[in-house]
Amino acid sequence: LHPRYKTTYFTRQGWPTEWIDNATALLRAEYEKRYSGASITESITERHDTPDNFFKHIDDYGLDDKSDPIDNWLSTGPIRTAQDPLTWWSGMLADNHPLAAMALDILSAPGKF
């Protein structure tokens, strides 16, 4: 989930395609198990016909509510300007990126000594 590397790290390290596919499947399974129903995603797809939410409809126009966030994430290249993944994903959390909460949880998990 490091935005600067995505799956290119695995490719450059010579991982077999099967291993990369397995890593992607594990990422997808974790997202679907713990994060796909999170309120951050619901806030993007939720629709209300009240005057207070008029501009929200404009902001959400054209968003594909059924798109897969893992596929979307992996289909784009690495983000070369992202030096610090925690800072980058914190900004994405503020923008309601569907993978932000999971990325922050995983990348900020303490290591075991």
PDB file of N, CA and C in Angstrom:
ATOM      1  N   LEU A   1       0.804  -1.207   0.000  1.00  0.00           N
ATOM      2  CA  LEU A   1       0.000   0.000   0.000  1.00  0.00           C
ATOM      3  C   LEU A   1       0.843   1.265   0.000  1.00  0.00           C
ATOM      4  N   HIS A   2       2.137   1.121  -0.143  1.00  0.00           N
ATOM      5  CA  HIS A   2       2.969   2.324  -0.253  1.00  0.00           C
ATOM      6  C   HIS A   2       2.708   2.934  -1.624  1.00  0.00           C
ATOM      7  N   PRO A   3       2.216   4.178  -1.656  1.00  0.00           N
ATOM      8  CA  PRO A   3       1.825   4.772  -2.942  1.00  0.00           C
ATOM      9  C   PRO A   3       2.984   4.948  -3.921  1.00  0.00           C
ATOM     10  N   ARG A   4       4.188   4.986  -3.423  1.00  0.00           N
ATOM     11  CA  ARG A   4       5.342   5.179  -4.296  1.00  0.00           C
ATOM     12  C   ARG A   4       5.736   3.887  -5.024  1.00  0.00           C
ATOM     13  N   TYR A   5       5.319   2.747  -4.486  1.00  0.00           N
ATOM     14  CA  TYR A   5       5.757   1.468  -5.051  1.00  0.00           C
ATOM     15  C   TYR A   5       4.638   0.602  -5.620  1.00  0.00           C
ATOM     16  N   LYS A   6       3.512   0.533  -4.916  1.00  0.00           N
ATOM     17  CA  LYS A   6       2.417  -0.363  -5.294  1.00  0.00           C
ATOM     18  C   LYS A   6       2.982  -1.762  -5.547  1.00  0.00           C
ATOM     19  N   THR A   7       2.682  -2.390  -6.685  1.00  0.00           N
ATOM     20  CA  THR A   7       3.210  -3.741  -6.916  1.00  0.00           C
ATOM     21  C   THR A   7       4.560  -3.742  -7.630  1.00  0.00           C
ATOM     22  N   THR A   8       5.076  -2.570  -7.989  1.00  0.00           N
ATOM     23  CA  THR A   8       6.368  -2.545  -8.683  1.00  0.00           C
ATOM     24  C   THR A   8       7.497  -3.067  -7.804  1.00  0.00           C
ATOM     25  N   TYR A   9       7.372  -2.916  -6.495  1.00  0.00           N
ATOM     26  CA  TYR A   9       8.401  -3.445  -5.592  1.00  0.00           C
ATOM     27  C   TYR A   9       8.540  -4.951  -5.794  1.00  0.00           C
ATOM     28  N   PHE A  10       7.413  -5.649  -5.828  1.00  0.00           N
ATOM     29  CA  PHE A  10       7.441  -7.101  -5.978  1.00  0.00           C
ATOM     30  C   PHE A  10       8.047  -7.504  -7.320  1.00  0.00           C
ATOM     31  N   THR A  11       7.671  -6.789  -8.357  1.00  0.00           N
ATOM     32  CA  THR A  11       8.189  -7.084  -9.693  1.00  0.00           C
ATOM     33  C   THR A  11       9.697  -6.884  -9.740  1.00  0.00           C
ATOM     34  N   ARG A  12      10.160  -5.778  -9.185  1.00  0.00           N
ATOM     35  CA  ARG A  12      11.601  -5.481  -9.194  1.00  0.00           C
ATOM     36  C   ARG A  12      12.402  -6.464  -8.346  1.00  0.00           C
ATOM     37  N   GLN A  13      11.765  -7.035  -7.339  1.00  0.00           N
ATOM     38  CA  GLN A  13      12.441  -8.020  -6.501  1.00  0.00           C
ATOM     39  C   GLN A  13      12.398  -9.418  -7.114  1.00  0.00           C
ATOM     40  N   GLY A  14      11.751  -9.528  -8.265  1.00  0.00           N
ATOM     41  CA  GLY A  14      11.719 -10.799  -8.976  1.00  0.00           C
ATOM     42  C   GLY A  14      10.709 -11.802  -8.444  1.00  0.00           C
ATOM     43  N   TRP A  15       9.685 -11.316  -7.771  1.00  0.00           N
ATOM     44  CA  TRP A  15       8.656 -12.226  -7.287  1.00  0.00           C
ATOM     45  C   TRP A  15       7.967 -12.893  -8.472  1.00  0.00           C
ATOM     46  N   PRO A  16       7.648 -14.173  -8.371  1.00  0.00           N
ATOM     47  CA  PRO A  16       6.848 -14.825  -9.412  1.00  0.00           C
ATOM     48  C   PRO A  16       5.449 -14.193  -9.474  1.00  0.00           C
ATOM     49  N   THR A  17       4.856 -14.217 -10.641  1.00  0.00           N
ATOM     50  CA  THR A  17       3.521 -13.644 -10.832  1.00  0.00           C
ATOM     51  C   THR A  17       2.518 -14.243  -9.853  1.00  0.00           C
ATOM     52  N   GLU A  18       2.644 -15.521  -9.578  1.00  0.00           N
ATOM     53  CA  GLU A  18       1.732 -16.190  -8.646  1.00  0.00           C
ATOM     54  C   GLU A  18       1.805 -15.556  -7.252  1.00  0.00           C
ATOM     55  N   TRP A  19       2.997 -15.193  -6.805  1.00  0.00           N
ATOM     56  CA  TRP A  19       3.149 -14.560  -5.487  1.00  0.00           C
ATOM     57  C   TRP A  19       2.504 -13.172  -5.472  1.00  0.00           C
ATOM     58  N   ILE A  20       2.704 -12.419  -6.551  1.00  0.00           N
ATOM     59  CA  ILE A  20       2.114 -11.075  -6.640  1.00  0.00           C
ATOM     60  C   ILE A  20       0.590 -11.183  -6.657  1.00  0.00           C
ATOM     61  N   ASP A  21       0.071 -12.137  -7.415  1.00  0.00           N
ATOM     62  CA  ASP A  21      -1.378 -12.357  -7.451  1.00  0.00           C
ATOM     63  C   ASP A  21      -1.903 -12.739  -6.072  1.00  0.00           C
ATOM     64  N   ASN A  22      -1.139 -13.555  -5.342  1.00  0.00           N
ATOM     65  CA  ASN A  22      -1.541 -13.956  -3.999  1.00  0.00           C
ATOM     66  C   ASN A  22      -1.543 -12.752  -3.050  1.00  0.00           C
ATOM     67  N   ALA A  23      -0.536 -11.900  -3.149  1.00  0.00           N
ATOM     68  CA  ALA A  23      -0.483 -10.692  -2.316  1.00  0.00           C
ATOM     69  C   ALA A  23      -1.675  -9.786  -2.609  1.00  0.00           C
ATOM     70  N   THR A  24      -2.015  -9.651  -3.874  1.00  0.00           N
ATOM     71  CA  THR A  24      -3.169  -8.840  -4.268  1.00  0.00           C
ATOM     72  C   THR A  24      -4.463  -9.456  -3.740  1.00  0.00           C
ATOM     73  N   ALA A  25      -4.578 -10.771  -3.807  1.00  0.00           N
ATOM     74  CA  ALA A  25      -5.768 -11.458  -3.293  1.00  0.00           C
ATOM     75  C   ALA A  25      -5.896 -11.276  -1.782  1.00  0.00           C
ATOM     76  N   LEU A  26      -4.772 -11.313  -1.070  1.00  0.00           N
ATOM     77  CA  LEU A  26      -4.801 -11.088   0.377  1.00  0.00           C
ATOM     78  C   LEU A  26      -5.227  -9.659   0.702  1.00  0.00           C
ATOM     79  N   LEU A  27      -4.735  -8.708  -0.068  1.00  0.00           N
ATOM     80  CA  LEU A  27      -5.126  -7.311   0.104  1.00  0.00           C
ATOM     81  C   LEU A  27      -6.631  -7.153  -0.112  1.00  0.00           C
ATOM     82  N   ARG A  28      -7.125  -7.748  -1.172  1.00  0.00           N
ATOM     83  CA  ARG A  28      -8.554  -7.673  -1.491  1.00  0.00           C
ATOM     84  C   ARG A  28      -9.391  -8.341  -0.389  1.00  0.00           C
ATOM     85  N   ALA A  29      -8.959  -9.494   0.083  1.00  0.00           N
ATOM     86  CA  ALA A  29      -9.702 -10.207   1.131  1.00  0.00           C
ATOM     87  C   ALA A  29      -9.758  -9.382   2.416  1.00  0.00           C
ATOM     88  N   GLU A  30      -8.653  -8.763   2.779  1.00  0.00           N
ATOM     89  CA  GLU A  30      -8.627  -7.919   3.980  1.00  0.00           C
ATOM     90  C   GLU A  30      -9.562  -6.727   3.816  1.00  0.00           C
ATOM     91  N   TYR A  31      -9.530  -6.101   2.657  1.00  0.00           N
ATOM     92  CA  TYR A  31     -10.415  -4.962   2.399  1.00  0.00           C
ATOM     93  C   TYR A  31     -11.884  -5.384   2.499  1.00  0.00           C
ATOM     94  N   GLU A  32     -12.227  -6.482   1.838  1.00  0.00           N
ATOM     95  CA  GLU A  32     -13.622  -6.930   1.828  1.00  0.00           C
ATOM     96  C   GLU A  32     -14.085  -7.374   3.212  1.00  0.00           C
ATOM     97  N   LYS A  33     -13.190  -7.977   3.984  1.00  0.00           N
ATOM     98  CA  LYS A  33     -13.550  -8.479   5.308  1.00  0.00           C
ATOM     99  C   LYS A  33     -13.736  -7.352   6.316  1.00  0.00           C
ATOM    100  N   ARG A  34     -12.860  -6.363   6.295  1.00  0.00           N
ATOM    101  CA  ARG A  34     -12.845  -5.376   7.371  1.00  0.00           C
ATOM    102  C   ARG A  34     -13.191  -3.943   6.973  1.00  0.00           C
ATOM    103  N   TYR A  35     -13.124  -3.605   5.693  1.00  0.00           N
ATOM    104  CA  TYR A  35     -13.232  -2.203   5.319  1.00  0.00           C
ATOM    105  C   TYR A  35     -14.286  -1.880   4.265  1.00  0.00           C
ATOM    106  N   SER A  36     -14.756  -2.836   3.507  1.00  0.00           N
ATOM    107  CA  SER A  36     -15.636  -2.511   2.378  1.00  0.00           C
ATOM    108  C   SER A  36     -16.964  -1.902   2.812  1.00  0.00           C
ATOM    109  N   GLY A  37     -17.427  -2.199   4.000  1.00  0.00           N
ATOM    110  CA  GLY A  37     -18.677  -1.630   4.487  1.00  0.00           C
ATOM    111  C   GLY A  37     -18.467  -0.430   5.387  1.00  0.00           C
ATOM    112  N   ALA A  38     -17.257   0.100   5.419  1.00  0.00           N
ATOM    113  CA  ALA A  38     -16.930   1.204   6.324  1.00  0.00           C
ATOM    114  C   ALA A  38     -17.693   2.462   5.956  1.00  0.00           C
ATOM    115  N   SER A  39     -17.897   3.296   6.931  1.00  0.00           N
ATOM    116  CA  SER A  39     -18.672   4.520   6.713  1.00  0.00           C
ATOM    117  C   SER A  39     -18.008   5.458   5.725  1.00  0.00           C
ATOM    118  N   ILE A  40     -16.695   5.379   5.581  1.00  0.00           N
ATOM    119  CA  ILE A  40     -16.016   6.256   4.620  1.00  0.00           C
ATOM    120  C   ILE A  40     -16.508   5.965   3.207  1.00  0.00           C
ATOM    121  N   THR A  41     -16.731   4.687   2.881  1.00  0.00           N
ATOM    122  CA  THR A  41     -17.257   4.330   1.572  1.00  0.00           C
ATOM    123  C   THR A  41     -18.726   4.725   1.476  1.00  0.00           C
ATOM    124  N   GLU A  42     -19.468   4.501   2.545  1.00  0.00           N
ATOM    125  CA  GLU A  42     -20.880   4.850   2.527  1.00  0.00           C
ATOM    126  C   GLU A  42     -21.079   6.345   2.338  1.00  0.00           C
ATOM    127  N   SER A  43     -20.175   7.146   2.887  1.00  0.00           N
ATOM    128  CA  SER A  43     -20.334   8.590   2.735  1.00  0.00           C
ATOM    129  C   SER A  43     -20.186   9.021   1.285  1.00  0.00           C
ATOM    130  N   ILE A  44     -19.451   8.256   0.503  1.00  0.00           N
ATOM    131  CA  ILE A  44     -19.291   8.580  -0.910  1.00  0.00           C
ATOM    132  C   ILE A  44     -20.541   8.185  -1.693  1.00  0.00           C
ATOM    133  N   THR A  45     -21.115   7.037  -1.356  1.00  0.00           N
ATOM    134  CA  THR A  45     -22.213   6.513  -2.154  1.00  0.00           C
ATOM    135  C   THR A  45     -23.586   6.948  -1.656  1.00  0.00           C
ATOM    136  N   GLU A  46     -23.667   7.478  -0.449  1.00  0.00           N
ATOM    137  CA  GLU A  46     -24.949   7.863   0.135  1.00  0.00           C
ATOM    138  C   GLU A  46     -25.553   9.034  -0.629  1.00  0.00           C
ATOM    139  N   ARG A  47     -26.842   8.973  -0.867  1.00  0.00           N
ATOM    140  CA  ARG A  47     -27.530  10.034  -1.593  1.00  0.00           C
ATOM    141  C   ARG A  47     -28.730  10.511  -0.776  1.00  0.00           C
ATOM    142  N   HIS A  48     -28.896  11.832  -0.690  1.00  0.00           N
ATOM    143  CA  HIS A  48     -30.055  12.421  -0.025  1.00  0.00           C
ATOM    144  C   HIS A  48     -30.560  13.567  -0.883  1.00  0.00           C
ATOM    145  N   ASP A  49     -31.852  13.725  -0.929  1.00  0.00           N
ATOM    146  CA  ASP A  49     -32.455  14.805  -1.706  1.00  0.00           C
ATOM    147  C   ASP A  49     -32.877  15.953  -0.796  1.00  0.00           C
ATOM    148  N   THR A  50     -31.938  16.494  -0.056  1.00  0.00           N
ATOM    149  CA  THR A  50     -32.218  17.640   0.800  1.00  0.00           C
ATOM    150  C   THR A  50     -31.400  18.818   0.307  1.00  0.00           C
ATOM    151  N   PRO A  51     -31.873  20.033   0.587  1.00  0.00           N
ATOM    152  CA  PRO A  51     -31.118  21.215   0.144  1.00  0.00           C
ATOM    153  C   PRO A  51     -29.693  21.251   0.697  1.00  0.00           C
ATOM    154  N   ASP A  52     -29.498  20.719   1.915  1.00  0.00           N
ATOM    155  CA  ASP A  52     -28.167  20.737   2.519  1.00  0.00           C
ATOM    156  C   ASP A  52     -27.168  19.890   1.738  1.00  0.00           C
ATOM    157  N   ASN A  53     -27.668  18.898   1.023  1.00  0.00           N
ATOM    158  CA  ASN A  53     -26.776  17.993   0.300  1.00  0.00           C
ATOM    159  C   ASN A  53     -26.726  18.277  -1.194  1.00  0.00           C
ATOM    160  N   PHE A  54     -27.237  19.418  -1.606  1.00  0.00           N
ATOM    161  CA  PHE A  54     -27.252  19.754  -3.026  1.00  0.00           C
ATOM    162  C   PHE A  54     -25.844  19.726  -3.617  1.00  0.00           C
ATOM    163  N   PHE A  55     -24.888  20.371  -2.949  1.00  0.00           N
ATOM    164  CA  PHE A  55     -23.533  20.430  -3.493  1.00  0.00           C
ATOM    165  C   PHE A  55     -22.813  19.096  -3.379  1.00  0.00           C
ATOM    166  N   LYS A  56     -23.219  18.249  -2.438  1.00  0.00           N
ATOM    167  CA  LYS A  56     -22.640  16.918  -2.350  1.00  0.00           C
ATOM    168  C   LYS A  56     -22.951  16.131  -3.621  1.00  0.00           C
ATOM    169  N   HIS A  57     -24.162  16.306  -4.160  1.00  0.00           N
ATOM    170  CA  HIS A  57     -24.518  15.639  -5.417  1.00  0.00           C
ATOM    171  C   HIS A  57     -23.580  16.083  -6.540  1.00  0.00           C
ATOM    172  N   ILE A  58     -23.251  17.354  -6.557  1.00  0.00           N
ATOM    173  CA  ILE A  58     -22.335  17.862  -7.578  1.00  0.00           C
ATOM    174  C   ILE A  58     -20.946  17.270  -7.376  1.00  0.00           C
ATOM    175  N   ASP A  59     -20.469  17.241  -6.128  1.00  0.00           N
ATOM    176  CA  ASP A  59     -19.148  16.688  -5.830  1.00  0.00           C
ATOM    177  C   ASP A  59     -19.050  15.215  -6.195  1.00  0.00           C
ATOM    178  N   ASP A  60     -20.157  14.476  -6.018  1.00  0.00           N
ATOM    179  CA  ASP A  60     -20.154  13.038  -6.275  1.00  0.00           C
ATOM    180  C   ASP A  60     -20.515  12.673  -7.708  1.00  0.00           C
ATOM    181  N   TYR A  61     -20.850  13.664  -8.542  1.00  0.00           N
ATOM    182  CA  TYR A  61     -21.277  13.386  -9.903  1.00  0.00           C
ATOM    183  C   TYR A  61     -20.202  12.606 -10.654  1.00  0.00           C
ATOM    184  N   GLY A  62     -20.603  11.537 -11.273  1.00  0.00           N
ATOM    185  CA  GLY A  62     -19.696  10.745 -12.093  1.00  0.00           C
ATOM    186  C   GLY A  62     -18.914   9.699 -11.329  1.00  0.00           C
ATOM    187  N   LEU A  63     -19.051   9.646 -10.008  1.00  0.00           N
ATOM    188  CA  LEU A  63     -18.350   8.612  -9.259  1.00  0.00           C
ATOM    189  C   LEU A  63     -19.009   7.270  -9.531  1.00  0.00           C
ATOM    190  N   ASP A  64     -18.211   6.281  -9.789  1.00  0.00           N
ATOM    191  CA  ASP A  64     -18.715   4.937 -10.034  1.00  0.00           C
ATOM    192  C   ASP A  64     -18.818   4.224  -8.693  1.00  0.00           C
ATOM    193  N   ASP A  65     -20.013   4.155  -8.149  1.00  0.00           N
ATOM    194  CA  ASP A  65     -20.222   3.561  -6.837  1.00  0.00           C
ATOM    195  C   ASP A  65     -19.922   2.065  -6.812  1.00  0.00           C
ATOM    196  N   LYS A  66     -19.920   1.420  -7.947  1.00  0.00           N
ATOM    197  CA  LYS A  66     -19.717  -0.016  -7.995  1.00  0.00           C
ATOM    198  C   LYS A  66     -18.283  -0.396  -8.392  1.00  0.00           C
ATOM    199  N   SER A  67     -17.423   0.568  -8.556  1.00  0.00           N
ATOM    200  CA  SER A  67     -16.059   0.253  -8.958  1.00  0.00           C
ATOM    201  C   SER A  67     -15.305  -0.406  -7.812  1.00  0.00           C
ATOM    202  N   ASP A  68     -14.318  -1.180  -8.143  1.00  0.00           N
ATOM    203  CA  ASP A  68     -13.531  -1.896  -7.153  1.00  0.00           C
ATOM    204  C   ASP A  68     -12.321  -1.050  -6.756  1.00  0.00           C
ATOM    205  N   PRO A  69     -12.211  -0.664  -5.491  1.00  0.00           N
ATOM    206  CA  PRO A  69     -11.110   0.210  -5.086  1.00  0.00           C
ATOM    207  C   PRO A  69      -9.733  -0.435  -5.233  1.00  0.00           C
ATOM    208  N   ILE A  70      -9.645  -1.746  -5.076  1.00  0.00           N
ATOM    209  CA  ILE A  70      -8.357  -2.428  -5.239  1.00  0.00           C
ATOM    210  C   ILE A  70      -7.932  -2.367  -6.706  1.00  0.00           C
ATOM    211  N   ASP A  71      -8.850  -2.698  -7.609  1.00  0.00           N
ATOM    212  CA  ASP A  71      -8.534  -2.621  -9.038  1.00  0.00           C
ATOM    213  C   ASP A  71      -8.174  -1.197  -9.445  1.00  0.00           C
ATOM    214  N   ASN A  72      -8.939  -0.231  -8.945  1.00  0.00           N
ATOM    215  CA  ASN A  72      -8.644   1.170  -9.266  1.00  0.00           C
ATOM    216  C   ASN A  72      -7.254   1.561  -8.785  1.00  0.00           C
ATOM    217  N   TRP A  73      -6.910   1.167  -7.579  1.00  0.00           N
ATOM    218  CA  TRP A  73      -5.616   1.494  -6.986  1.00  0.00           C
ATOM    219  C   TRP A  73      -4.473   0.867  -7.795  1.00  0.00           C
ATOM    220  N   LEU A  74      -4.615  -0.397  -8.118  1.00  0.00           N
ATOM    221  CA  LEU A  74      -3.539  -1.103  -8.809  1.00  0.00           C
ATOM    222  C   LEU A  74      -3.448  -0.762 -10.293  1.00  0.00           C
ATOM    223  N   SER A  75      -4.520  -0.226 -10.870  1.00  0.00           N
ATOM    224  CA  SER A  75      -4.509   0.082 -12.302  1.00  0.00           C
ATOM    225  C   SER A  75      -3.744   1.365 -12.620  1.00  0.00           C
ATOM    226  N   THR A  76      -3.441   2.136 -11.610  1.00  0.00           N
ATOM    227  CA  THR A  76      -2.672   3.362 -11.824  1.00  0.00           C
ATOM    228  C   THR A  76      -1.231   3.128 -11.398  1.00  0.00           C
ATOM    229  N   GLY A  77      -0.349   3.880 -11.972  1.00  0.00           N
ATOM    230  CA  GLY A  77       1.064   3.728 -11.662  1.00  0.00           C
ATOM    231  C   GLY A  77       1.423   4.253 -10.286  1.00  0.00           C
ATOM    232  N   PRO A  78       2.649   3.976  -9.871  1.00  0.00           N
ATOM    233  CA  PRO A  78       3.125   4.492  -8.588  1.00  0.00           C
ATOM    234  C   PRO A  78       3.081   6.019  -8.557  1.00  0.00           C
ATOM    235  N   ILE A  79       2.934   6.555  -7.375  1.00  0.00           N
ATOM    236  CA  ILE A  79       2.872   8.001  -7.182  1.00  0.00           C
ATOM    237  C   ILE A  79       4.248   8.451  -6.715  1.00  0.00           C
ATOM    238  N   ARG A  80       5.045   8.909  -7.646  1.00  0.00           N
ATOM    239  CA  ARG A  80       6.455   9.225  -7.382  1.00  0.00           C
ATOM    240  C   ARG A  80       6.661  10.337  -6.362  1.00  0.00           C
ATOM    241  N   THR A  81       5.679  11.210  -6.206  1.00  0.00           N
ATOM    242  CA  THR A  81       5.835  12.329  -5.277  1.00  0.00           C
ATOM    243  C   THR A  81       5.516  11.941  -3.837  1.00  0.00           C
ATOM    244  N   ALA A  82       5.013  10.743  -3.612  1.00  0.00           N
ATOM    245  CA  ALA A  82       4.636  10.308  -2.262  1.00  0.00           C
ATOM    246  C   ALA A  82       5.868   9.788  -1.528  1.00  0.00           C
ATOM    247  N   GLN A  83       6.476  10.641  -0.723  1.00  0.00           N
ATOM    248  CA  GLN A  83       7.662  10.247   0.032  1.00  0.00           C
ATOM    249  C   GLN A  83       7.288   9.526   1.327  1.00  0.00           C
ATOM    250  N   ASP A  84       6.303  10.050   2.035  1.00  0.00           N
ATOM    251  CA  ASP A  84       5.872   9.487   3.315  1.00  0.00           C
ATOM    252  C   ASP A  84       4.476   8.888   3.145  1.00  0.00           C
ATOM    253  N   PRO A  85       4.353   7.565   3.188  1.00  0.00           N
ATOM    254  CA  PRO A  85       3.049   6.952   2.930  1.00  0.00           C
ATOM    255  C   PRO A  85       1.988   7.314   3.967  1.00  0.00           C
ATOM    256  N   LEU A  86       2.376   7.520   5.220  1.00  0.00           N
ATOM    257  CA  LEU A  86       1.382   7.877   6.236  1.00  0.00           C
ATOM    258  C   LEU A  86       0.813   9.270   5.985  1.00  0.00           C
ATOM    259  N   THR A  87       1.669  10.197   5.616  1.00  0.00           N
ATOM    260  CA  THR A  87       1.201  11.548   5.292  1.00  0.00           C
ATOM    261  C   THR A  87       0.314  11.511   4.056  1.00  0.00           C
ATOM    262  N   TRP A  88       0.738  10.766   3.041  1.00  0.00           N
ATOM    263  CA  TRP A  88      -0.030  10.691   1.802  1.00  0.00           C
ATOM    264  C   TRP A  88      -1.414  10.097   2.061  1.00  0.00           C
ATOM    265  N   TRP A  89      -1.471   8.963   2.775  1.00  0.00           N
ATOM    266  CA  TRP A  89      -2.758   8.324   3.036  1.00  0.00           C
ATOM    267  C   TRP A  89      -3.620   9.149   3.989  1.00  0.00           C
ATOM    268  N   SER A  90      -3.007   9.915   4.885  1.00  0.00           N
ATOM    269  CA  SER A  90      -3.798  10.810   5.744  1.00  0.00           C
ATOM    270  C   SER A  90      -4.539  11.834   4.895  1.00  0.00           C
ATOM    271  N   GLY A  91      -3.876  12.349   3.879  1.00  0.00           N
ATOM    272  CA  GLY A  91      -4.539  13.260   2.946  1.00  0.00           C
ATOM    273  C   GLY A  91      -5.647  12.574   2.179  1.00  0.00           C
ATOM    274  N   MET A  92      -5.426  11.317   1.817  1.00  0.00           N
ATOM    275  CA  MET A  92      -6.450  10.559   1.100  1.00  0.00           C
ATOM    276  C   MET A  92      -7.637  10.239   2.008  1.00  0.00           C
ATOM    277  N   LEU A  93      -7.379  10.062   3.305  1.00  0.00           N
ATOM    278  CA  LEU A  93      -8.470   9.831   4.257  1.00  0.00           C
ATOM    279  C   LEU A  93      -9.378  11.052   4.309  1.00  0.00           C
ATOM    280  N   ALA A  94      -8.767  12.228   4.305  1.00  0.00           N
ATOM    281  CA  ALA A  94      -9.547  13.470   4.300  1.00  0.00           C
ATOM    282  C   ALA A  94     -10.374  13.600   3.025  1.00  0.00           C
ATOM    283  N   ASP A  95      -9.899  12.995   1.936  1.00  0.00           N
ATOM    284  CA  ASP A  95     -10.620  13.020   0.655  1.00  0.00           C
ATOM    285  C   ASP A  95     -11.563  11.825   0.486  1.00  0.00           C
ATOM    286  N   ASN A  96     -11.744  11.038   1.539  1.00  0.00           N
ATOM    287  CA  ASN A  96     -12.634   9.866   1.528  1.00  0.00           C
ATOM    288  C   ASN A  96     -12.199   8.766   0.571  1.00  0.00           C
ATOM    289  N   HIS A  97     -10.906   8.576   0.388  1.00  0.00           N
ATOM    290  CA  HIS A  97     -10.427   7.467  -0.447  1.00  0.00           C
ATOM    291  C   HIS A  97     -10.810   6.157   0.234  1.00  0.00           C
ATOM    292  N   PRO A  98     -11.420   5.217  -0.483  1.00  0.00           N
ATOM    293  CA  PRO A  98     -11.922   3.997   0.142  1.00  0.00           C
ATOM    294  C   PRO A  98     -10.845   3.090   0.742  1.00  0.00           C
ATOM    295  N   LEU A  99      -9.591   3.218   0.333  1.00  0.00           N
ATOM    296  CA  LEU A  99      -8.532   2.375   0.889  1.00  0.00           C
ATOM    297  C   LEU A  99      -7.742   3.067   1.998  1.00  0.00           C
ATOM    298  N   ALA A 100      -8.030   4.322   2.270  1.00  0.00           N
ATOM    299  CA  ALA A 100      -7.206   5.107   3.190  1.00  0.00           C
ATOM    300  C   ALA A 100      -7.171   4.530   4.599  1.00  0.00           C
ATOM    301  N   ALA A 101      -8.307   4.186   5.159  1.00  0.00           N
ATOM    302  CA  ALA A 101      -8.333   3.668   6.530  1.00  0.00           C
ATOM    303  C   ALA A 101      -7.532   2.374   6.636  1.00  0.00           C
ATOM    304  N   MET A 102      -7.694   1.475   5.673  1.00  0.00           N
ATOM    305  CA  MET A 102      -6.953   0.223   5.694  1.00  0.00           C
ATOM    306  C   MET A 102      -5.459   0.477   5.551  1.00  0.00           C
ATOM    307  N   ALA A 103      -5.082   1.340   4.631  1.00  0.00           N
ATOM    308  CA  ALA A 103      -3.667   1.636   4.420  1.00  0.00           C
ATOM    309  C   ALA A 103      -3.035   2.211   5.678  1.00  0.00           C
ATOM    310  N   LEU A 104      -3.722   3.133   6.327  1.00  0.00           N
ATOM    311  CA  LEU A 104      -3.186   3.722   7.556  1.00  0.00           C
ATOM    312  C   LEU A 104      -3.077   2.684   8.664  1.00  0.00           C
ATOM    313  N   ASP A 105      -4.060   1.805   8.781  1.00  0.00           N
ATOM    314  CA  ASP A 105      -3.991   0.745   9.790  1.00  0.00           C
ATOM    315  C   ASP A 105      -2.800  -0.174   9.542  1.00  0.00           C
ATOM    316  N   ILE A 106      -2.619  -0.580   8.311  1.00  0.00           N
ATOM    317  CA  ILE A 106      -1.546  -1.523   7.985  1.00  0.00           C
ATOM    318  C   ILE A 106      -0.175  -0.862   8.087  1.00  0.00           C
ATOM    319  N   LEU A 107      -0.034   0.315   7.511  1.00  0.00           N
ATOM    320  CA  LEU A 107       1.275   0.970   7.479  1.00  0.00           C
ATOM    321  C   LEU A 107       1.713   1.515   8.838  1.00  0.00           C
ATOM    322  N   SER A 108       0.778   1.710   9.755  1.00  0.00           N
ATOM    323  CA  SER A 108       1.150   2.241  11.067  1.00  0.00           C
ATOM    324  C   SER A 108       1.184   1.169  12.153  1.00  0.00           C
ATOM    325  N   ALA A 109       1.000  -0.088  11.770  1.00  0.00           N
ATOM    326  CA  ALA A 109       1.052  -1.174  12.752  1.00  0.00           C
ATOM    327  C   ALA A 109       2.474  -1.294  13.295  1.00  0.00           C
ATOM    328  N   PRO A 110       2.597  -1.370  14.618  1.00  0.00           N
ATOM    329  CA  PRO A 110       3.946  -1.483  15.188  1.00  0.00           C
ATOM    330  C   PRO A 110       4.569  -2.834  14.856  1.00  0.00           C
ATOM    331  N   GLY A 111       5.867  -2.822  14.659  1.00  0.00           N
ATOM    332  CA  GLY A 111       6.586  -4.065  14.415  1.00  0.00           C
ATOM    333  C   GLY A 111       6.810  -4.805  15.721  1.00  0.00           C
ATOM    334  N   LYS A 112       7.011  -6.086  15.647  1.00  0.00           N
ATOM    335  CA  LYS A 112       7.254  -6.892  16.841  1.00  0.00           C
ATOM    336  C   LYS A 112       8.749  -7.150  16.951  1.00  0.00           C
ATOM    337  N   PHE A 113       9.265  -6.909  18.127  1.00  0.00           N
ATOM    338  CA  PHE A 113      10.704  -7.129  18.349  1.00  0.00           C
ATOM    339  C   PHE A 113      10.935  -8.413  19.088  1.00  0.00           C
TER     340      PHE A 113
END
